[in-house]
Amino acid sequence: MKINTDEITRVIKQEVANYDTQLDVSQVGTVVEVGDGIARIYGLSNAMAGEMLIFDTDSGEPVRGQVMNLEEDIVGAVIFGDYLGVREGMTVKSTGELLSVPTGEGMLGRVVNALGEPIDGKGPIAGTTLRKVDIIAPGIAARQPVSQPLQFGVKAVDSMVPVGRGQRELIIGDRKTGKTAVAIDAIINQKYTHETDQPVYCFYVAVGQKESTVAGVVEALRQNGAMEYTTVINASASEAAPMAYIAPYSGTAMAEYFMWKGKHALIVYDDLSKQAVAYRQLSLLLRRPPGREAYPGDVFYLHSRLLERSTKLSDENGGGSITSLPIIETQEGDVSAYIPTNVISITDGQIYLEPDLFFAGVRPAINVGISVSRVGGAAQIKAMKKVAGSLRLDLAAYRELEAFAQLGTDLDAATQKQLDRGARMVELLKQPQYKPMPAIDQVIQIWAASSGYMDKIQVSQVQKYAAGLIDYFKTQASATYELLKKEQAMSDAVVAGLKKGAEAYTAGFAG
C-alpha cells in the first residue's frame, strides 16, 4: 500500500496551525461532607462568596451550587437541584462566575424551576440570555418617583390601597385568607395593559407550595388568557431548601431583563416567609449562629436586597419598572412577628387580609384600617382619587357605628343613614375571584354608591344594580363612558353625564 506523504504532511500542518496553547485551568476541590442540600468542600482556597460551583454526581450529570461560607480551611456551599447524587470525596470545580439564569421573551408563557430550566414539558426555551441572579440594586440616582398606576382590577385595592409601577406592596394575612387570589387577580388584570402601548410582563414565584396548588394557579392564568405574558417560577415543597432560597432572586433577574429594556414587570413572591424558613435551614446546616426565632442575623438582608431591586428607573435608564407583591403568611394574625415586621419595614405599604372578614363573606377580605399604600396615591388616576377620597373614612366610621349598633341602641336618622350606606359600600366592594374590573367601571360604581344612588337599593341587590349600571353606561350612556375613559378625571361634563345616567338607570331599575 502506497502512503500519501503529501496528504499526511498537509493534515499535520493544519493540526499545528489550529493548535490552541490555552489551557483550561480551573480550581478543583473535594467534598468532605454533604447532606440536606449543603456541602462542605476542601481545596477551594481561592473561592469567592456567591461564586458558582460545578459538582460531579453519581449519574455523570453535573449539578450547580453556590459558595455561602468562607471558613479557614473549608468552603460551605449550597447545592441546587439533585444533591442526592453528590457524595463525599467527589470533585467540585469553581467557575469564577456568579450564578446566572436564562432571561428573555422566550420565558413568557413557560413554567420553570428556580434555575430557569423548563418543567412544563414543552421542550427547551429558545432565544434566552443569561443574567446574574444576585446583584446590587440600582442606586438613588438611577431611580425616579412612582408616577404610573398599576391597576389590580380589585375595587377595594385600586380605590383605597392603590399601587404604582415600581412600588413594593406587601400582601399579608393568615393562611387561607385569599392572599394568592388578590395577587393572581392583579396578574390577570394586566391583560388590559397589553391592549395599550405599555404592557406589564408578569412573574409568579411559587416558594414551598404544593405542586397541585401551583398547577391550579397556572390553569387559572391560562383560562383567563394571562399565561401569554406570564412566567411561573416554581420551587415546590418537595424540593430542597436551596431551590426555595434562590427562586425569588431568579424570578427578579428574569423581570429585570424587561425593566432594563424600558418595559414594565410585575413579580409576585408567594411566599417570602417560606423562603426565610429555607434560608434558616441552610444557615443552621452551615453552622451559622442563630438569632431571634433561630433565624440567622442576616435574614433582614435576605429580603431587603431582594425587594430593593423593584423600582421605577429614571428616564435616562429607560424608565422601566418592576412592581413587586411579596406575600407573607402570619400566624393567628400576628403582624408583629419577626419576618412580618422585617418585610413591612422594607415595603411601601401592605394589604392586610383578615380571617374574620373572610369568613363573614367579605371577599377580598381586606382590612382597610390596617392596609395602607405609602406611594400609590401619587399614581392613582384623577377620577379614582376624587371618588375614593372619602371612602376609607366612610368605611372606618361604618365599622365603628356597626359595633355600636349591635348594642341595640335606638339610632337617630343620620346615624341610620350612614349605617345603611356603609352596608351597601361593603357589599359593593365584594368581588368574585379572577374577575378583575377596569378602573373606569370601578369609578362609576364607587361614585354611584358614595353619591347616594344605592341608598334605596336592597343590600342583596347591590351587585346586580352595580353590574347593570356599567352595562347602561356602556350602551345607552356611552358618550359619558367614553368621555370619562378619555379624560380619566371627574370634569363638570363627566359629572353631569354621570348624574343624568345614574338617575335614569335608578328610576328604571327593577330589583
Protein backbone atom coordinates (compact mmCIF):
# COMPACT_ATOMS: atom_id res chain seq x y z
CA MET A 1 0.00 0.00 0.00
CA LYS A 2 1.43 3.37 -1.07
CA ILE A 3 1.38 6.04 1.65
CA ASN A 4 0.42 9.53 0.50
CA THR A 5 3.04 11.60 2.34
CA ASP A 6 1.76 14.87 0.92
CA GLU A 7 -1.67 14.27 2.43
CA ILE A 8 -0.17 13.36 5.84
CA THR A 9 2.05 16.48 5.74
CA ARG A 10 -0.96 18.67 4.92
CA VAL A 11 -3.04 17.26 7.82
CA ILE A 12 -0.13 17.68 10.32
CA LYS A 13 0.41 21.30 9.19
CA GLN A 14 -3.32 22.00 9.60
CA GLU A 15 -3.34 20.49 13.11
CA VAL A 16 -0.27 22.55 14.11
CA ALA A 17 -1.89 25.74 12.77
CA ASN A 18 -5.11 25.06 14.70
CA TYR A 19 -3.36 24.01 17.94
CA ASP A 20 -4.57 26.14 20.82
CA THR A 21 -1.96 26.64 23.52
CA GLN A 22 -4.53 27.95 26.04
CA LEU A 23 -5.06 25.54 28.87
CA ASP A 24 -8.37 25.17 30.69
CA VAL A 25 -7.23 25.97 34.21
CA SER A 26 -9.82 25.57 36.96
CA GLN A 27 -9.54 25.17 40.69
CA VAL A 28 -10.78 21.83 41.98
CA GLY A 29 -11.85 20.89 45.49
CA THR A 30 -13.11 17.78 47.24
CA VAL A 31 -16.43 17.25 49.02
CA VAL A 32 -15.73 16.35 52.67
CA GLU A 33 -19.33 16.47 53.94
CA VAL A 34 -22.69 16.54 52.17
CA GLY A 35 -26.38 16.37 53.11
CA ASP A 36 -29.71 18.21 53.00
CA GLY A 37 -28.68 20.41 50.08
CA ILE A 38 -25.40 21.68 51.56
CA ALA A 39 -21.79 20.60 51.09
CA ARG A 40 -18.50 21.35 52.83
CA ILE A 41 -15.58 21.42 50.43
CA TYR A 42 -11.80 21.27 50.97
CA GLY A 43 -9.31 22.71 48.49
CA LEU A 44 -11.11 25.74 47.02
CA SER A 45 -8.79 28.26 48.69
CA ASN A 46 -9.45 30.98 46.08
CA ALA A 47 -13.26 30.65 46.07
CA MET A 48 -15.33 33.84 46.35
CA ALA A 49 -18.58 34.39 48.24
CA GLY A 50 -21.55 33.76 45.92
CA GLU A 51 -19.39 32.03 43.29
CA MET A 52 -20.97 29.30 41.18
CA LEU A 53 -19.62 25.77 41.59
CA ILE A 54 -19.99 22.62 39.47
CA PHE A 55 -20.43 19.35 41.42
CA ASP A 56 -19.75 15.89 39.98
CA THR A 57 -22.54 13.37 40.62
CA ASP A 58 -23.12 9.59 40.52
CA SER A 59 -25.15 9.90 37.31
CA GLY A 60 -22.43 11.85 35.49
CA GLU A 61 -24.80 14.85 35.12
CA PRO A 62 -23.07 17.73 36.96
CA VAL A 63 -25.17 19.97 39.23
CA ARG A 64 -24.64 23.60 40.14
CA GLY A 65 -24.00 25.05 43.56
CA GLN A 66 -23.04 28.32 45.20
CA VAL A 67 -20.46 29.31 47.80
CA MET A 68 -22.14 30.53 51.02
CA ASN A 69 -19.49 30.26 53.78
CA LEU A 70 -15.77 31.04 53.59
CA GLU A 71 -14.01 29.39 56.53
CA GLU A 72 -10.31 28.91 57.31
CA ASP A 73 -9.83 25.54 55.57
CA ILE A 74 -13.32 24.67 54.34
CA VAL A 75 -15.82 26.27 51.95
CA GLY A 76 -19.54 25.87 52.80
CA ALA A 77 -21.79 25.69 49.74
CA VAL A 78 -25.39 25.00 48.79
CA ILE A 79 -26.30 22.54 46.02
CA PHE A 80 -29.09 23.39 43.56
CA GLY A 81 -31.06 20.51 42.11
CA ASP A 82 -30.49 16.82 42.81
CA TYR A 83 -27.95 16.82 45.64
CA LEU A 84 -28.54 13.09 46.37
CA GLY A 85 -26.03 12.15 43.64
CA VAL A 86 -23.22 14.14 45.30
CA ARG A 87 -21.03 12.02 47.57
CA GLU A 88 -18.09 12.61 49.90
CA GLY A 89 -14.78 12.51 48.03
CA MET A 90 -16.27 13.75 44.75
CA THR A 91 -14.67 16.69 42.97
CA VAL A 92 -16.05 20.22 42.79
CA LYS A 93 -14.95 22.76 40.20
CA SER A 94 -15.02 26.52 40.75
CA THR A 95 -16.13 28.65 37.78
CA GLY A 96 -15.03 32.16 38.74
CA GLU A 97 -18.55 33.37 37.86
CA LEU A 98 -21.69 34.26 39.77
CA LEU A 99 -24.83 32.12 39.41
CA SER A 100 -26.88 33.11 36.34
CA VAL A 101 -30.30 32.19 34.93
CA PRO A 102 -31.76 32.46 31.41
CA THR A 103 -33.93 35.51 30.71
CA GLY A 104 -35.76 36.90 27.70
CA GLU A 105 -39.01 36.96 25.76
CA GLY A 106 -38.87 33.18 25.35
CA MET A 107 -39.51 32.72 29.09
CA LEU A 108 -43.05 34.14 28.76
CA GLY A 109 -45.80 31.53 28.95
CA ARG A 110 -43.47 28.94 30.48
CA VAL A 111 -43.21 27.17 33.85
CA VAL A 112 -39.59 26.88 35.01
CA ASN A 113 -37.70 25.80 38.12
CA ALA A 114 -35.56 28.06 40.30
CA LEU A 115 -32.62 27.77 37.85
CA GLY A 116 -34.77 28.77 34.86
CA GLU A 117 -34.96 25.22 33.45
CA PRO A 118 -38.35 24.34 31.87
CA ILE A 119 -40.55 21.93 33.83
CA ASP A 120 -43.75 22.24 31.77
CA GLY A 121 -42.91 19.52 29.22
CA LYS A 122 -42.83 21.98 26.29
CA GLY A 123 -39.18 21.46 25.39
CA PRO A 124 -36.19 23.80 25.66
CA ILE A 125 -36.56 27.59 25.78
CA ALA A 126 -35.11 29.39 22.75
CA GLY A 127 -33.56 32.84 22.45
CA THR A 128 -32.55 33.48 26.04
CA THR A 129 -29.68 35.47 27.53
CA LEU A 130 -28.02 34.78 30.87
CA ARG A 131 -28.41 37.26 33.71
CA LYS A 132 -26.81 37.20 37.16
CA VAL A 133 -29.18 36.06 39.90
CA ASP A 134 -27.99 38.17 42.82
CA ILE A 135 -26.91 41.74 42.01
CA ILE A 136 -26.78 45.05 43.86
CA ALA A 137 -30.00 47.08 43.43
CA PRO A 138 -29.93 50.34 41.38
CA GLY A 139 -28.87 53.40 43.38
CA ILE A 140 -30.91 56.54 44.14
CA ALA A 141 -29.65 58.40 41.05
CA ALA A 142 -30.88 55.59 38.76
CA ARG A 143 -34.48 55.84 40.06
CA GLN A 144 -37.45 58.19 39.86
CA PRO A 145 -40.62 58.56 41.96
CA VAL A 146 -43.57 56.26 41.24
CA SER A 147 -45.98 58.06 38.91
CA GLN A 148 -47.95 55.47 36.88
CA PRO A 149 -50.76 53.34 38.32
CA LEU A 150 -50.61 49.57 38.33
CA GLN A 151 -54.26 48.53 38.42
CA PHE A 152 -55.21 45.36 40.32
CA GLY A 153 -58.76 45.33 38.96
CA VAL A 154 -59.89 44.83 42.56
CA LYS A 155 -62.19 47.64 43.73
CA ALA A 156 -61.04 47.59 47.37
CA VAL A 157 -57.36 47.82 46.33
CA ASP A 158 -57.47 50.31 43.45
CA SER A 159 -59.65 52.72 45.43
CA MET A 160 -58.10 52.59 48.94
CA VAL A 161 -54.64 50.99 48.73
CA PRO A 162 -53.55 51.87 45.17
CA VAL A 163 -50.26 50.57 43.81
CA GLY A 164 -47.99 52.31 41.29
CA ARG A 165 -45.48 50.85 38.83
CA GLY A 166 -42.19 50.43 40.68
CA GLN A 167 -43.79 50.02 44.11
CA ARG A 168 -43.41 47.16 46.63
CA GLU A 169 -46.76 46.31 48.21
CA LEU A 170 -46.86 43.54 50.81
CA ILE A 171 -49.86 41.17 50.86
CA ILE A 172 -50.10 39.82 54.40
CA GLY A 173 -52.56 37.66 56.30
CA ASP A 174 -53.24 34.28 57.85
CA ARG A 175 -53.39 31.02 55.94
CA LYS A 176 -56.36 30.65 53.53
CA THR A 177 -57.50 34.29 53.57
CA GLY A 178 -57.15 34.92 49.82
CA LYS A 179 -53.62 36.38 49.58
CA THR A 180 -52.72 34.50 46.40
CA ALA A 181 -56.15 35.29 44.89
CA VAL A 182 -55.51 39.07 45.15
CA ALA A 183 -52.08 38.67 43.51
CA ILE A 184 -53.43 36.45 40.71
CA ASP A 185 -56.23 38.98 40.05
CA ALA A 186 -53.53 41.64 39.64
CA ILE A 187 -51.73 39.45 37.07
CA ILE A 188 -54.95 38.70 35.14
CA ASN A 189 -55.84 42.40 35.12
CA GLN A 190 -52.60 43.21 33.25
CA LYS A 191 -54.19 41.85 30.05
CA TYR A 192 -55.74 45.34 29.72
CA THR A 193 -52.22 46.82 29.59
CA HIS A 194 -51.36 44.54 26.65
CA GLU A 195 -54.09 46.29 24.64
CA THR A 196 -52.16 49.56 25.10
CA ASP A 197 -48.58 50.53 24.27
CA GLN A 198 -47.29 49.90 27.83
CA PRO A 199 -47.72 46.21 28.63
CA VAL A 200 -46.79 44.72 32.01
CA TYR A 201 -44.99 41.35 31.94
CA CYS A 202 -45.75 39.17 34.95
CA PHE A 203 -43.72 36.69 37.03
CA TYR A 204 -45.21 34.40 39.66
CA VAL A 205 -42.63 32.87 42.03
CA ALA A 206 -44.06 29.93 44.00
CA VAL A 207 -41.88 29.10 47.02
CA GLY A 208 -42.62 25.95 49.02
CA GLN A 209 -46.11 25.47 47.53
CA LYS A 210 -47.70 22.12 46.73
CA GLU A 211 -47.31 21.07 43.09
CA SER A 212 -51.12 20.77 42.82
CA THR A 213 -51.57 24.35 44.10
CA VAL A 214 -49.13 25.74 41.52
CA ALA A 215 -50.81 23.67 38.77
CA GLY A 216 -54.14 25.27 39.80
CA VAL A 217 -52.64 28.76 39.56
CA VAL A 218 -51.16 28.03 36.11
CA GLU A 219 -54.52 26.69 34.92
CA ALA A 220 -56.36 29.77 36.26
CA LEU A 221 -53.89 32.05 34.45
CA ARG A 222 -54.25 30.04 31.25
CA GLN A 223 -58.06 30.08 31.32
CA ASN A 224 -58.05 33.84 31.80
CA GLY A 225 -55.58 34.46 28.97
CA ALA A 226 -52.79 35.61 31.29
CA MET A 227 -50.14 32.92 30.65
CA GLU A 228 -49.17 34.60 27.34
CA TYR A 229 -47.35 37.34 29.25
CA THR A 230 -46.54 35.44 32.48
CA THR A 231 -43.64 33.24 33.63
CA VAL A 232 -44.15 30.87 36.58
CA ILE A 233 -41.04 30.04 38.65
CA ASN A 234 -41.70 27.04 40.89
CA ALA A 235 -39.59 25.84 43.83
CA SER A 236 -42.06 23.33 45.24
CA ALA A 237 -42.38 21.94 48.76
CA SER A 238 -40.78 18.67 47.63
CA GLU A 239 -37.55 20.36 46.53
CA ALA A 240 -34.53 21.02 48.73
CA ALA A 241 -34.12 24.29 50.67
CA PRO A 242 -31.51 25.82 48.27
CA MET A 243 -34.11 25.97 45.46
CA ALA A 244 -36.64 27.75 47.71
CA TYR A 245 -33.89 30.17 48.78
CA ILE A 246 -32.77 31.10 45.24
CA ALA A 247 -36.16 31.12 43.42
CA PRO A 248 -37.18 34.74 44.29
CA TYR A 249 -33.77 36.04 43.10
CA SER A 250 -34.08 34.06 39.85
CA GLY A 251 -37.55 35.49 39.22
CA THR A 252 -36.27 39.02 39.88
CA ALA A 253 -33.39 38.53 37.41
CA MET A 254 -35.93 37.46 34.75
CA ALA A 255 -38.06 40.55 35.49
CA GLU A 256 -35.01 42.83 35.35
CA TYR A 257 -34.44 41.82 31.73
CA PHE A 258 -37.65 43.70 30.85
CA MET A 259 -37.05 46.59 33.28
CA TRP A 260 -33.66 47.47 31.76
CA LYS A 261 -35.23 47.39 28.29
CA GLY A 262 -37.55 50.23 29.37
CA LYS A 263 -40.54 47.89 29.86
CA HIS A 264 -42.67 47.14 32.91
CA ALA A 265 -42.82 43.98 35.01
CA LEU A 266 -44.89 42.71 37.94
CA ILE A 267 -43.50 40.00 40.23
CA VAL A 268 -45.35 38.06 42.92
CA TYR A 269 -43.34 36.23 45.61
CA ASP A 270 -45.61 33.53 47.08
CA ASP A 271 -44.42 33.49 49.78
CA LEU A 272 -41.35 35.02 51.41
CA SER A 273 -41.99 33.51 54.85
CA LYS A 274 -41.24 30.10 53.30
CA GLN A 275 -38.06 31.50 51.71
CA ALA A 276 -36.95 32.75 55.15
CA VAL A 277 -37.57 29.27 56.62
CA ALA A 278 -35.47 27.70 53.81
CA TYR A 279 -32.69 30.23 54.44
CA ARG A 280 -32.81 29.49 58.17
CA GLN A 281 -32.44 25.77 57.40
CA LEU A 282 -29.41 26.38 55.17
CA SER A 283 -27.82 28.74 57.70
CA LEU A 284 -28.20 26.29 60.58
CA LEU A 285 -26.81 23.42 58.47
CA LEU A 286 -23.83 25.64 57.57
CA ARG A 287 -23.42 26.28 61.33
CA ARG A 288 -24.07 30.00 61.21
CA PRO A 289 -25.03 31.32 64.64
CA PRO A 290 -28.83 31.50 65.16
CA GLY A 291 -30.52 34.70 66.34
CA ARG A 292 -34.12 35.67 67.08
CA GLU A 293 -36.56 32.78 66.42
CA ALA A 294 -33.44 30.79 65.28
CA TYR A 295 -33.19 32.91 62.10
CA PRO A 296 -29.66 33.98 61.11
CA GLY A 297 -28.60 37.59 61.72
CA ASP A 298 -28.73 38.50 58.02
CA VAL A 299 -32.33 37.40 57.36
CA PHE A 300 -33.34 41.07 57.05
CA TYR A 301 -30.67 41.50 54.37
CA LEU A 302 -32.05 38.40 52.62
CA HIS A 303 -35.29 40.24 51.86
CA SER A 304 -34.03 43.83 51.64
CA ARG A 305 -31.53 43.07 48.87
CA LEU A 306 -34.30 41.24 47.01
CA LEU A 307 -37.06 43.85 47.30
CA GLU A 308 -34.79 46.87 46.71
CA ARG A 309 -34.38 45.63 43.14
CA SER A 310 -38.03 46.58 42.47
CA THR A 311 -38.11 50.19 41.36
CA LYS A 312 -39.08 52.73 38.71
CA LEU A 313 -35.94 53.58 36.73
CA SER A 314 -35.16 57.14 35.70
CA ASP A 315 -35.86 58.23 32.12
CA GLU A 316 -32.11 58.22 31.40
CA ASN A 317 -32.14 54.49 32.21
CA GLY A 318 -35.16 53.80 30.01
CA GLY A 319 -37.97 54.40 32.53
CA GLY A 320 -38.70 50.70 33.04
CA SER A 321 -40.06 49.32 36.29
CA ILE A 322 -40.54 46.25 38.47
CA THR A 323 -43.53 46.23 40.81
CA SER A 324 -43.29 43.54 43.48
CA LEU A 325 -46.02 41.92 45.54
CA PRO A 326 -44.34 39.93 48.31
CA ILE A 327 -46.71 37.65 50.24
CA ILE A 328 -46.18 36.88 53.94
CA GLU A 329 -48.19 34.39 55.96
CA THR A 330 -48.93 35.35 59.59
CA GLN A 331 -49.74 33.05 62.48
CA GLU A 332 -53.02 33.96 64.23
CA GLY A 333 -52.89 37.48 62.76
CA ASP A 334 -49.59 38.31 64.49
CA VAL A 335 -48.12 41.03 62.26
CA SER A 336 -45.55 41.88 64.97
CA ALA A 337 -43.59 38.62 64.47
CA TYR A 338 -40.00 38.79 63.20
CA ILE A 339 -40.36 38.16 59.44
CA PRO A 340 -43.64 40.17 59.01
CA THR A 341 -42.14 43.26 60.72
CA ASN A 342 -38.97 42.93 58.63
CA VAL A 343 -40.86 42.89 55.34
CA ILE A 344 -43.35 45.59 56.44
CA SER A 345 -40.38 47.91 57.08
CA ILE A 346 -38.86 47.18 53.64
CA THR A 347 -42.06 47.59 51.57
CA ASP A 348 -44.09 50.69 50.59
CA GLY A 349 -47.33 49.58 52.23
CA GLN A 350 -49.36 46.46 52.92
CA ILE A 351 -52.68 44.86 52.05
CA TYR A 352 -53.85 43.09 55.21
CA LEU A 353 -56.34 40.24 54.78
CA GLU A 354 -58.37 39.34 57.85
CA PRO A 355 -59.84 35.88 58.59
CA ASP A 356 -62.93 37.33 60.37
CA LEU A 357 -63.89 39.31 57.27
CA PHE A 358 -63.15 36.33 55.01
CA PHE A 359 -65.42 34.01 56.97
CA ALA A 360 -68.10 36.73 57.16
CA GLY A 361 -68.27 36.61 53.35
CA VAL A 362 -66.42 39.89 52.69
CA ARG A 363 -64.09 38.84 49.89
CA PRO A 364 -61.45 40.06 49.18
CA ALA A 365 -61.16 40.24 52.99
CA ILE A 366 -59.14 43.47 53.08
CA ASN A 367 -59.00 45.29 56.42
CA VAL A 368 -58.90 48.91 55.24
CA GLY A 369 -57.93 50.13 58.71
CA ILE A 370 -54.53 48.42 58.71
CA SER A 371 -53.95 48.29 54.93
CA VAL A 372 -52.05 51.25 53.52
CA SER A 373 -50.19 52.37 50.40
CA ARG A 374 -47.40 54.86 51.03
CA VAL A 375 -46.83 55.60 47.33
CA GLY A 376 -49.69 54.56 45.06
CA GLY A 377 -51.93 57.58 45.73
CA ALA A 378 -49.43 59.61 43.68
CA ALA A 379 -50.05 57.23 40.77
CA GLN A 380 -53.86 56.98 41.00
CA ILE A 381 -55.92 58.25 38.08
CA LYS A 382 -57.58 61.57 38.96
CA ALA A 383 -61.12 60.21 38.69
CA MET A 384 -60.42 57.41 41.20
CA LYS A 385 -58.65 59.81 43.57
CA LYS A 386 -61.72 62.07 43.53
CA VAL A 387 -64.40 59.43 44.11
CA ALA A 388 -62.41 57.29 46.58
CA GLY A 389 -61.15 60.20 48.69
CA SER A 390 -63.69 59.76 51.48
CA LEU A 391 -64.22 56.01 51.02
CA ARG A 392 -61.69 54.86 53.62
CA LEU A 393 -63.05 57.27 56.27
CA ASP A 394 -66.65 56.30 55.46
CA LEU A 395 -65.85 52.61 55.88
CA ALA A 396 -63.94 53.20 59.12
CA ALA A 397 -66.89 55.21 60.51
CA TYR A 398 -69.26 52.43 59.39
CA ARG A 399 -67.24 49.75 61.22
CA GLU A 400 -67.33 51.87 64.39
CA LEU A 401 -71.09 52.53 64.14
CA GLU A 402 -71.74 48.87 63.31
CA ALA A 403 -70.18 47.81 66.61
CA PHE A 404 -72.21 50.49 68.42
CA ALA A 405 -75.48 49.48 66.70
CA GLN A 406 -75.05 45.87 67.83
CA LEU A 407 -75.75 47.03 71.37
CA GLY A 408 -79.37 47.53 70.32
CA THR A 409 -79.40 51.28 70.98
CA ASP A 410 -82.00 53.44 69.21
CA LEU A 411 -80.26 55.33 66.42
CA ASP A 412 -81.09 58.76 65.01
CA ALA A 413 -81.90 59.15 61.31
CA ALA A 414 -78.44 60.46 60.30
CA THR A 415 -76.63 57.57 62.01
CA GLN A 416 -79.02 55.03 60.47
CA LYS A 417 -78.42 56.56 57.03
CA GLN A 418 -74.65 56.28 57.50
CA LEU A 419 -75.01 52.65 58.58
CA ASP A 420 -77.21 51.83 55.56
CA ARG A 421 -74.79 53.45 53.11
CA GLY A 422 -71.80 51.70 54.74
CA ALA A 423 -73.51 48.31 54.42
CA ARG A 424 -74.08 48.94 50.70
CA MET A 425 -70.50 50.09 50.21
CA VAL A 426 -69.14 46.93 51.86
CA GLU A 427 -71.41 44.86 49.60
CA LEU A 428 -70.24 46.79 46.52
CA LEU A 429 -66.56 46.17 47.33
CA LYS A 430 -67.10 42.39 47.33
CA GLN A 431 -65.74 40.85 44.16
CA PRO A 432 -65.55 37.29 42.81
CA GLN A 433 -62.15 35.67 42.29
CA TYR A 434 -60.48 36.00 38.86
CA LYS A 435 -62.92 38.75 37.81
CA PRO A 436 -60.80 41.93 37.76
CA MET A 437 -62.59 45.12 36.68
CA PRO A 438 -61.33 48.05 34.55
CA ALA A 439 -60.61 51.24 36.52
CA ILE A 440 -63.33 53.27 34.73
CA ASP A 441 -66.02 50.73 35.71
CA GLN A 442 -64.82 50.88 39.32
CA VAL A 443 -65.00 54.71 39.32
CA ILE A 444 -68.62 54.70 38.09
CA GLN A 445 -69.76 52.14 40.69
CA ILE A 446 -68.00 53.83 43.64
CA TRP A 447 -69.22 57.26 42.54
CA ALA A 448 -72.84 55.98 42.37
CA ALA A 449 -72.61 54.43 45.86
CA SER A 450 -70.98 57.44 47.52
CA SER A 451 -73.44 59.82 45.79
CA GLY A 452 -76.39 58.00 47.37
CA TYR A 453 -77.86 56.31 44.29
CA MET A 454 -77.73 52.92 46.01
CA ASP A 455 -79.27 54.07 49.31
CA LYS A 456 -82.73 52.82 48.36
CA ILE A 457 -81.48 49.57 46.81
CA GLN A 458 -81.73 46.39 48.90
CA VAL A 459 -78.29 45.21 50.08
CA SER A 460 -78.89 41.86 48.37
CA GLN A 461 -79.48 43.71 45.06
CA VAL A 462 -76.37 45.95 45.18
CA GLN A 463 -74.20 43.69 42.98
CA LYS A 464 -76.98 43.31 40.40
CA TYR A 465 -77.56 47.09 40.40
CA ALA A 466 -73.81 47.82 40.02
CA ALA A 467 -73.38 45.39 37.10
CA GLY A 468 -76.45 46.80 35.34
CA LEU A 469 -75.19 50.36 35.88
CA ILE A 470 -71.98 49.61 33.96
CA ASP A 471 -73.96 47.96 31.13
CA TYR A 472 -76.20 51.05 30.98
CA PHE A 473 -73.22 53.43 30.68
CA LYS A 474 -71.56 51.25 28.06
CA THR A 475 -74.70 51.17 25.90
CA GLN A 476 -77.29 53.90 26.46
CA ALA A 477 -74.97 56.50 28.03
CA SER A 478 -71.81 55.53 26.11
CA ALA A 479 -70.88 59.16 25.39
CA THR A 480 -70.30 59.79 29.11
CA TYR A 481 -68.44 56.48 29.48
CA GLU A 482 -66.08 57.29 26.59
CA LEU A 483 -65.53 60.85 27.88
CA LEU A 484 -64.57 59.52 31.34
CA LYS A 485 -62.29 56.94 29.71
CA LYS A 486 -60.59 59.66 27.68
CA GLU A 487 -60.23 62.32 30.40
CA GLN A 488 -59.79 59.91 33.38
CA ALA A 489 -60.92 62.82 35.57
CA MET A 490 -64.22 63.99 37.10
CA SER A 491 -64.74 67.11 34.97
CA ASP A 492 -68.04 69.04 35.12
CA ALA A 493 -69.17 67.44 31.84
CA VAL A 494 -68.40 63.93 33.15
CA VAL A 495 -70.20 64.51 36.49
CA ALA A 496 -73.25 65.96 34.71
CA GLY A 497 -73.37 62.93 32.39
CA LEU A 498 -72.95 60.51 35.31
CA LYS A 499 -75.78 62.17 37.27
CA LYS A 500 -78.12 62.10 34.28
CA GLY A 501 -77.31 58.44 33.50
CA ALA A 502 -77.48 57.27 37.14
CA GLU A 503 -80.85 58.96 37.71
CA ALA A 504 -82.31 57.42 34.55
CA TYR A 505 -80.94 53.93 35.36
CA THR A 506 -82.01 54.03 39.04
CA ALA A 507 -85.54 55.11 38.10
CA GLY A 508 -85.87 52.13 35.76
CA PHE A 509 -84.09 49.58 37.98
CA ALA A 510 -86.32 46.71 38.98
CA GLY A 511 -84.62 44.73 41.77
